Amino acid sequence: MAPAAQLRDLAWAYEVTGETRWYCGNLPGAAEAYAEALALFEELGMREGIMLATHHLAQIERRHGRPGAAAAGYLASL
């Protein structure tokens, strides 16, 4: 597998890990996984992944009661 394909797969694995942690109530763990996914998606220039990870990070801000940060994240994900 080419390095870019491996990074792409790793980015999606982090994204799914973040979702799993989110559904299990582990918000700090979810944020960590989403941030890792976002960094890889940005490195690869994968807009759909950047959008999704940014949106999920905004959801965590909302759950933490930070509406301003959540709104900024939601807007950035568009």
PDB file of N, CA and C in Angstrom:
ATOM      1  N   MET A   1       0.844  -1.173   0.000  1.00  0.00           N
ATOM      2  CA  MET A   1       0.000   0.000   0.000  1.00  0.00           C
ATOM      3  C   MET A   1       0.893   1.240   0.000  1.00  0.00           C
ATOM      4  N   ALA A   2       0.522   2.220  -0.795  1.00  0.00           N
ATOM      5  CA  ALA A   2       1.293   3.465  -0.881  1.00  0.00           C
ATOM      6  C   ALA A   2       1.189   4.243   0.421  1.00  0.00           C
ATOM      7  N   PRO A   3       2.234   5.012   0.746  1.00  0.00           N
ATOM      8  CA  PRO A   3       2.210   5.784   1.995  1.00  0.00           C
ATOM      9  C   PRO A   3       0.987   6.690   2.126  1.00  0.00           C
ATOM     10  N   ALA A   4       0.582   7.355   1.043  1.00  0.00           N
ATOM     11  CA  ALA A   4      -0.594   8.232   1.121  1.00  0.00           C
ATOM     12  C   ALA A   4      -1.843   7.428   1.448  1.00  0.00           C
ATOM     13  N   ALA A   5      -1.957   6.245   0.872  1.00  0.00           N
ATOM     14  CA  ALA A   5      -3.115   5.395   1.158  1.00  0.00           C
ATOM     15  C   ALA A   5      -3.099   4.938   2.611  1.00  0.00           C
ATOM     16  N   GLN A   6      -1.922   4.646   3.121  1.00  0.00           N
ATOM     17  CA  GLN A   6      -1.815   4.247   4.529  1.00  0.00           C
ATOM     18  C   GLN A   6      -2.204   5.397   5.446  1.00  0.00           C
ATOM     19  N   LEU A   7      -1.754   6.601   5.131  1.00  0.00           N
ATOM     20  CA  LEU A   7      -2.120   7.768   5.938  1.00  0.00           C
ATOM     21  C   LEU A   7      -3.617   8.030   5.864  1.00  0.00           C
ATOM     22  N   ARG A   8      -4.188   7.864   4.675  1.00  0.00           N
ATOM     23  CA  ARG A   8      -5.633   8.040   4.518  1.00  0.00           C
ATOM     24  C   ARG A   8      -6.386   7.057   5.399  1.00  0.00           C
ATOM     25  N   ASP A   9      -5.973   5.794   5.359  1.00  0.00           N
ATOM     26  CA  ASP A   9      -6.628   4.778   6.183  1.00  0.00           C
ATOM     27  C   ASP A   9      -6.458   5.072   7.664  1.00  0.00           C
ATOM     28  N   LEU A  10      -5.286   5.538   8.049  1.00  0.00           N
ATOM     29  CA  LEU A  10      -5.039   5.876   9.450  1.00  0.00           C
ATOM     30  C   LEU A  10      -5.913   7.055   9.877  1.00  0.00           C
ATOM     31  N   ALA A  11      -6.043   8.044   9.010  1.00  0.00           N
ATOM     32  CA  ALA A  11      -6.895   9.196   9.322  1.00  0.00           C
ATOM     33  C   ALA A  11      -8.333   8.755   9.556  1.00  0.00           C
ATOM     34  N   TRP A  12      -8.846   7.891   8.686  1.00  0.00           N
ATOM     35  CA  TRP A  12     -10.222   7.413   8.867  1.00  0.00           C
ATOM     36  C   TRP A  12     -10.336   6.534  10.109  1.00  0.00           C
ATOM     37  N   ALA A  13      -9.299   5.798  10.431  1.00  0.00           N
ATOM     38  CA  ALA A  13      -9.322   4.986  11.654  1.00  0.00           C
ATOM     39  C   ALA A  13      -9.408   5.880  12.887  1.00  0.00           C
ATOM     40  N   TYR A  14      -8.656   6.981  12.895  1.00  0.00           N
ATOM     41  CA  TYR A  14      -8.753   7.933  14.010  1.00  0.00           C
ATOM     42  C   TYR A  14     -10.153   8.536  14.079  1.00  0.00           C
ATOM     43  N   GLU A  15     -10.728   8.863  12.931  1.00  0.00           N
ATOM     44  CA  GLU A  15     -12.079   9.442  12.903  1.00  0.00           C
ATOM     45  C   GLU A  15     -13.090   8.470  13.516  1.00  0.00           C
ATOM     46  N   VAL A  16     -13.024   7.213  13.121  1.00  0.00           N
ATOM     47  CA  VAL A  16     -13.939   6.206  13.659  1.00  0.00           C
ATOM     48  C   VAL A  16     -13.669   5.965  15.142  1.00  0.00           C
ATOM     49  N   THR A  17     -12.414   6.000  15.541  1.00  0.00           N
ATOM     50  CA  THR A  17     -12.074   5.871  16.960  1.00  0.00           C
ATOM     51  C   THR A  17     -12.697   7.014  17.749  1.00  0.00           C
ATOM     52  N   GLY A  18     -12.636   8.218  17.197  1.00  0.00           N
ATOM     53  CA  GLY A  18     -13.265   9.362  17.848  1.00  0.00           C
ATOM     54  C   GLY A  18     -14.759   9.158  18.013  1.00  0.00           C
ATOM     55  N   GLU A  19     -15.419   8.664  16.985  1.00  0.00           N
ATOM     56  CA  GLU A  19     -16.857   8.409  17.072  1.00  0.00           C
ATOM     57  C   GLU A  19     -17.161   7.356  18.125  1.00  0.00           C
ATOM     58  N   THR A  20     -16.364   6.321  18.176  1.00  0.00           N
ATOM     59  CA  THR A  20     -16.573   5.270  19.177  1.00  0.00           C
ATOM     60  C   THR A  20     -16.425   5.834  20.578  1.00  0.00           C
ATOM     61  N   ARG A  21     -15.387   6.613  20.789  1.00  0.00           N
ATOM     62  CA  ARG A  21     -15.178   7.214  22.108  1.00  0.00           C
ATOM     63  C   ARG A  21     -16.309   8.181  22.447  1.00  0.00           C
ATOM     64  N   TRP A  22     -16.782   8.938  21.458  1.00  0.00           N
ATOM     65  CA  TRP A  22     -17.908   9.860  21.660  1.00  0.00           C
ATOM     66  C   TRP A  22     -19.120   9.087  22.163  1.00  0.00           C
ATOM     67  N   TYR A  23     -19.474   8.016  21.468  1.00  0.00           N
ATOM     68  CA  TYR A  23     -20.657   7.238  21.841  1.00  0.00           C
ATOM     69  C   TYR A  23     -20.495   6.536  23.180  1.00  0.00           C
ATOM     70  N   CYS A  24     -19.269   6.301  23.590  1.00  0.00           N
ATOM     71  CA  CYS A  24     -19.010   5.689  24.900  1.00  0.00           C
ATOM     72  C   CYS A  24     -18.906   6.737  26.008  1.00  0.00           C
ATOM     73  N   GLY A  25     -19.045   8.010  25.662  1.00  0.00           N
ATOM     74  CA  GLY A  25     -19.004   9.078  26.650  1.00  0.00           C
ATOM     75  C   GLY A  25     -17.618   9.564  27.016  1.00  0.00           C
ATOM     76  N   ASN A  26     -16.618   9.152  26.265  1.00  0.00           N
ATOM     77  CA  ASN A  26     -15.239   9.567  26.532  1.00  0.00           C
ATOM     78  C   ASN A  26     -14.907  10.775  25.653  1.00  0.00           C
ATOM     79  N   LEU A  27     -15.361  11.955  26.083  1.00  0.00           N
ATOM     80  CA  LEU A  27     -15.157  13.154  25.267  1.00  0.00           C
ATOM     81  C   LEU A  27     -13.692  13.543  25.122  1.00  0.00           C
ATOM     82  N   PRO A  28     -12.874  13.466  26.189  1.00  0.00           N
ATOM     83  CA  PRO A  28     -11.454  13.786  25.994  1.00  0.00           C
ATOM     84  C   PRO A  28     -10.779  12.840  24.992  1.00  0.00           C
ATOM     85  N   GLY A  29     -11.100  11.566  25.081  1.00  0.00           N
ATOM     86  CA  GLY A  29     -10.530  10.600  24.144  1.00  0.00           C
ATOM     87  C   GLY A  29     -11.013  10.837  22.724  1.00  0.00           C
ATOM     88  N   ALA A  30     -12.290  11.204  22.594  1.00  0.00           N
ATOM     89  CA  ALA A  30     -12.841  11.507  21.274  1.00  0.00           C
ATOM     90  C   ALA A  30     -12.138  12.717  20.672  1.00  0.00           C
ATOM     91  N   ALA A  31     -11.960  13.753  21.480  1.00  0.00           N
ATOM     92  CA  ALA A  31     -11.293  14.964  20.989  1.00  0.00           C
ATOM     93  C   ALA A  31      -9.875  14.658  20.528  1.00  0.00           C
ATOM     94  N   GLU A  32      -9.190  13.827  21.279  1.00  0.00           N
ATOM     95  CA  GLU A  32      -7.821  13.451  20.909  1.00  0.00           C
ATOM     96  C   GLU A  32      -7.798  12.726  19.564  1.00  0.00           C
ATOM     97  N   ALA A  33      -8.706  11.773  19.388  1.00  0.00           N
ATOM     98  CA  ALA A  33      -8.748  11.014  18.137  1.00  0.00           C
ATOM     99  C   ALA A  33      -9.152  11.909  16.964  1.00  0.00           C
ATOM    100  N   TYR A  34     -10.147  12.782  17.177  1.00  0.00           N
ATOM    101  CA  TYR A  34     -10.559  13.691  16.108  1.00  0.00           C
ATOM    102  C   TYR A  34      -9.425  14.635  15.722  1.00  0.00           C
ATOM    103  N   ALA A  35      -8.669  15.104  16.698  1.00  0.00           N
ATOM    104  CA  ALA A  35      -7.543  16.001  16.408  1.00  0.00           C
ATOM    105  C   ALA A  35      -6.473  15.283  15.589  1.00  0.00           C
ATOM    106  N   GLU A  36      -6.207  14.027  15.922  1.00  0.00           N
ATOM    107  CA  GLU A  36      -5.240  13.235  15.136  1.00  0.00           C
ATOM    108  C   GLU A  36      -5.748  13.059  13.705  1.00  0.00           C
ATOM    109  N   ALA A  37      -7.041  12.741  13.577  1.00  0.00           N
ATOM    110  CA  ALA A  37      -7.629  12.579  12.249  1.00  0.00           C
ATOM    111  C   ALA A  37      -7.525  13.876  11.464  1.00  0.00           C
ATOM    112  N   LEU A  38      -7.868  14.986  12.109  1.00  0.00           N
ATOM    113  CA  LEU A  38      -7.827  16.284  11.437  1.00  0.00           C
ATOM    114  C   LEU A  38      -6.423  16.604  10.932  1.00  0.00           C
ATOM    115  N   ALA A  39      -5.421  16.364  11.745  1.00  0.00           N
ATOM    116  CA  ALA A  39      -4.043  16.643  11.333  1.00  0.00           C
ATOM    117  C   ALA A  39      -3.672  15.836  10.089  1.00  0.00           C
ATOM    118  N   LEU A  40      -4.059  14.580  10.059  1.00  0.00           N
ATOM    119  CA  LEU A  40      -3.745  13.742   8.893  1.00  0.00           C
ATOM    120  C   LEU A  40      -4.548  14.175   7.670  1.00  0.00           C
ATOM    121  N   PHE A  41      -5.836  14.456   7.862  1.00  0.00           N
ATOM    122  CA  PHE A  41      -6.651  14.913   6.734  1.00  0.00           C
ATOM    123  C   PHE A  41      -6.081  16.204   6.143  1.00  0.00           C
ATOM    124  N   GLU A  42      -5.635  17.114   7.016  1.00  0.00           N
ATOM    125  CA  GLU A  42      -5.040  18.363   6.525  1.00  0.00           C
ATOM    126  C   GLU A  42      -3.750  18.089   5.757  1.00  0.00           C
ATOM    127  N   GLU A  43      -2.931  17.194   6.282  1.00  0.00           N
ATOM    128  CA  GLU A  43      -1.680  16.837   5.597  1.00  0.00           C
ATOM    129  C   GLU A  43      -1.956  16.269   4.213  1.00  0.00           C
ATOM    130  N   LEU A  44      -3.032  15.499   4.104  1.00  0.00           N
ATOM    131  CA  LEU A  44      -3.383  14.859   2.842  1.00  0.00           C
ATOM    132  C   LEU A  44      -4.239  15.743   1.937  1.00  0.00           C
ATOM    133  N   GLY A  45      -4.731  16.858   2.472  1.00  0.00           N
ATOM    134  CA  GLY A  45      -5.604  17.730   1.692  1.00  0.00           C
ATOM    135  C   GLY A  45      -6.970  17.129   1.422  1.00  0.00           C
ATOM    136  N   MET A  46      -7.454  16.311   2.338  1.00  0.00           N
ATOM    137  CA  MET A  46      -8.743  15.629   2.167  1.00  0.00           C
ATOM    138  C   MET A  46      -9.862  16.476   2.772  1.00  0.00           C
ATOM    139  N   ARG A  47     -10.514  17.261   1.920  1.00  0.00           N
ATOM    140  CA  ARG A  47     -11.524  18.213   2.391  1.00  0.00           C
ATOM    141  C   ARG A  47     -12.676  17.542   3.125  1.00  0.00           C
ATOM    142  N   GLU A  48     -13.134  16.390   2.633  1.00  0.00           N
ATOM    143  CA  GLU A  48     -14.273  15.736   3.288  1.00  0.00           C
ATOM    144  C   GLU A  48     -13.907  15.279   4.696  1.00  0.00           C
ATOM    145  N   GLY A  49     -12.693  14.829   4.886  1.00  0.00           N
ATOM    146  CA  GLY A  49     -12.234  14.425   6.212  1.00  0.00           C
ATOM    147  C   GLY A  49     -12.023  15.617   7.128  1.00  0.00           C
ATOM    148  N   ILE A  50     -11.466  16.700   6.571  1.00  0.00           N
ATOM    149  CA  ILE A  50     -11.274  17.929   7.347  1.00  0.00           C
ATOM    150  C   ILE A  50     -12.622  18.428   7.847  1.00  0.00           C
ATOM    151  N   MET A  51     -13.619  18.439   6.963  1.00  0.00           N
ATOM    152  CA  MET A  51     -14.956  18.898   7.332  1.00  0.00           C
ATOM    153  C   MET A  51     -15.528  18.051   8.457  1.00  0.00           C
ATOM    154  N   LEU A  52     -15.437  16.747   8.336  1.00  0.00           N
ATOM    155  CA  LEU A  52     -16.045  15.861   9.324  1.00  0.00           C
ATOM    156  C   LEU A  52     -15.347  15.961  10.674  1.00  0.00           C
ATOM    157  N   ALA A  53     -14.032  15.935  10.684  1.00  0.00           N
ATOM    158  CA  ALA A  53     -13.299  16.016  11.951  1.00  0.00           C
ATOM    159  C   ALA A  53     -13.521  17.369  12.628  1.00  0.00           C
ATOM    160  N   THR A  54     -13.544  18.448  11.839  1.00  0.00           N
ATOM    161  CA  THR A  54     -13.790  19.779  12.397  1.00  0.00           C
ATOM    162  C   THR A  54     -15.190  19.858  12.989  1.00  0.00           C
ATOM    163  N   HIS A  55     -16.162  19.299  12.302  1.00  0.00           N
ATOM    164  CA  HIS A  55     -17.541  19.260  12.801  1.00  0.00           C
ATOM    165  C   HIS A  55     -17.611  18.487  14.119  1.00  0.00           C
ATOM    166  N   HIS A  56     -16.952  17.354  14.178  1.00  0.00           N
ATOM    167  CA  HIS A  56     -16.980  16.552  15.403  1.00  0.00           C
ATOM    168  C   HIS A  56     -16.293  17.265  16.561  1.00  0.00           C
ATOM    169  N   LEU A  57     -15.208  17.960  16.292  1.00  0.00           N
ATOM    170  CA  LEU A  57     -14.557  18.741  17.354  1.00  0.00           C
ATOM    171  C   LEU A  57     -15.483  19.855  17.843  1.00  0.00           C
ATOM    172  N   ALA A  58     -16.268  20.444  16.934  1.00  0.00           N
ATOM    173  CA  ALA A  58     -17.242  21.464  17.337  1.00  0.00           C
ATOM    174  C   ALA A  58     -18.326  20.858  18.221  1.00  0.00           C
ATOM    175  N   GLN A  59     -18.739  19.635  17.931  1.00  0.00           N
ATOM    176  CA  GLN A  59     -19.735  18.971  18.777  1.00  0.00           C
ATOM    177  C   GLN A  59     -19.211  18.799  20.201  1.00  0.00           C
ATOM    178  N   ILE A  60     -17.948  18.492  20.327  1.00  0.00           N
ATOM    179  CA  ILE A  60     -17.364  18.345  21.664  1.00  0.00           C
ATOM    180  C   ILE A  60     -17.368  19.685  22.384  1.00  0.00           C
ATOM    181  N   GLU A  61     -17.043  20.758  21.680  1.00  0.00           N
ATOM    182  CA  GLU A  61     -17.104  22.093  22.290  1.00  0.00           C
ATOM    183  C   GLU A  61     -18.525  22.383  22.780  1.00  0.00           C
ATOM    184  N   ARG A  62     -19.518  22.034  21.979  1.00  0.00           N
ATOM    185  CA  ARG A  62     -20.914  22.238  22.368  1.00  0.00           C
ATOM    186  C   ARG A  62     -21.254  21.448  23.622  1.00  0.00           C
ATOM    187  N   ARG A  63     -20.818  20.199  23.667  1.00  0.00           N
ATOM    188  CA  ARG A  63     -21.093  19.357  24.841  1.00  0.00           C
ATOM    189  C   ARG A  63     -20.414  19.891  26.092  1.00  0.00           C
ATOM    190  N   HIS A  64     -19.300  20.595  25.926  1.00  0.00           N
ATOM    191  CA  HIS A  64     -18.592  21.186  27.064  1.00  0.00           C
ATOM    192  C   HIS A  64     -19.165  22.552  27.440  1.00  0.00           C
ATOM    193  N   GLY A  65     -20.232  22.966  26.777  1.00  0.00           N
ATOM    194  CA  GLY A  65     -20.872  24.232  27.108  1.00  0.00           C
ATOM    195  C   GLY A  65     -20.139  25.454  26.601  1.00  0.00           C
ATOM    196  N   ARG A  66     -19.441  25.297  25.490  1.00  0.00           N
ATOM    197  CA  ARG A  66     -18.706  26.421  24.899  1.00  0.00           C
ATOM    198  C   ARG A  66     -19.327  26.759  23.535  1.00  0.00           C
ATOM    199  N   PRO A  67     -20.482  27.452  23.559  1.00  0.00           N
ATOM    200  CA  PRO A  67     -21.197  27.695  22.302  1.00  0.00           C
ATOM    201  C   PRO A  67     -20.414  28.531  21.297  1.00  0.00           C
ATOM    202  N   GLY A  68     -19.620  29.482  21.765  1.00  0.00           N
ATOM    203  CA  GLY A  68     -18.833  30.295  20.835  1.00  0.00           C
ATOM    204  C   GLY A  68     -17.820  29.465  20.073  1.00  0.00           C
ATOM    205  N   ALA A  69     -17.103  28.612  20.793  1.00  0.00           N
ATOM    206  CA  ALA A  69     -16.117  27.737  20.149  1.00  0.00           C
ATOM    207  C   ALA A  69     -16.812  26.725  19.243  1.00  0.00           C
ATOM    208  N   ALA A  70     -17.976  26.240  19.681  1.00  0.00           N
ATOM    209  CA  ALA A  70     -18.729  25.288  18.859  1.00  0.00           C
ATOM    210  C   ALA A  70     -19.167  25.951  17.555  1.00  0.00           C
ATOM    211  N   ALA A  71     -19.712  27.160  17.650  1.00  0.00           N
ATOM    212  CA  ALA A  71     -20.171  27.866  16.451  1.00  0.00           C
ATOM    213  C   ALA A  71     -19.015  28.115  15.489  1.00  0.00           C
ATOM    214  N   ALA A  72     -17.872  28.515  16.027  1.00  0.00           N
ATOM    215  CA  ALA A  72     -16.700  28.743  15.174  1.00  0.00           C
ATOM    216  C   ALA A  72     -16.281  27.451  14.483  1.00  0.00           C
ATOM    217  N   GLY A  73     -16.314  26.350  15.208  1.00  0.00           N
ATOM    218  CA  GLY A  73     -15.960  25.064  14.618  1.00  0.00           C
ATOM    219  C   GLY A  73     -16.941  24.627  13.552  1.00  0.00           C
ATOM    220  N   TYR A  74     -18.245  24.809  13.833  1.00  0.00           N
ATOM    221  CA  TYR A  74     -19.249  24.448  12.835  1.00  0.00           C
ATOM    222  C   TYR A  74     -19.062  25.273  11.565  1.00  0.00           C
ATOM    223  N   LEU A  75     -18.821  26.575  11.722  1.00  0.00           N
ATOM    224  CA  LEU A  75     -18.603  27.427  10.546  1.00  0.00           C
ATOM    225  C   LEU A  75     -17.348  27.018   9.784  1.00  0.00           C
ATOM    226  N   ALA A  76     -16.302  26.679  10.505  1.00  0.00           N
ATOM    227  CA  ALA A  76     -15.054  26.259   9.855  1.00  0.00           C
ATOM    228  C   ALA A  76     -15.236  24.960   9.082  1.00  0.00           C
ATOM    229  N   SER A  77     -16.199  24.149   9.509  1.00  0.00           N
ATOM    230  CA  SER A  77     -16.392  22.857   8.847  1.00  0.00           C
ATOM    231  C   SER A  77     -17.148  22.981   7.527  1.00  0.00           C
ATOM    232  N   LEU A  78     -17.738  24.135   7.283  1.00  0.00           N
ATOM    233  CA  LEU A  78     -18.531  24.303   6.050  1.00  0.00           C
ATOM    234  C   LEU A  78     -17.663  24.485   4.824  1.00  0.00           C
TER     235      LEU A  78
END
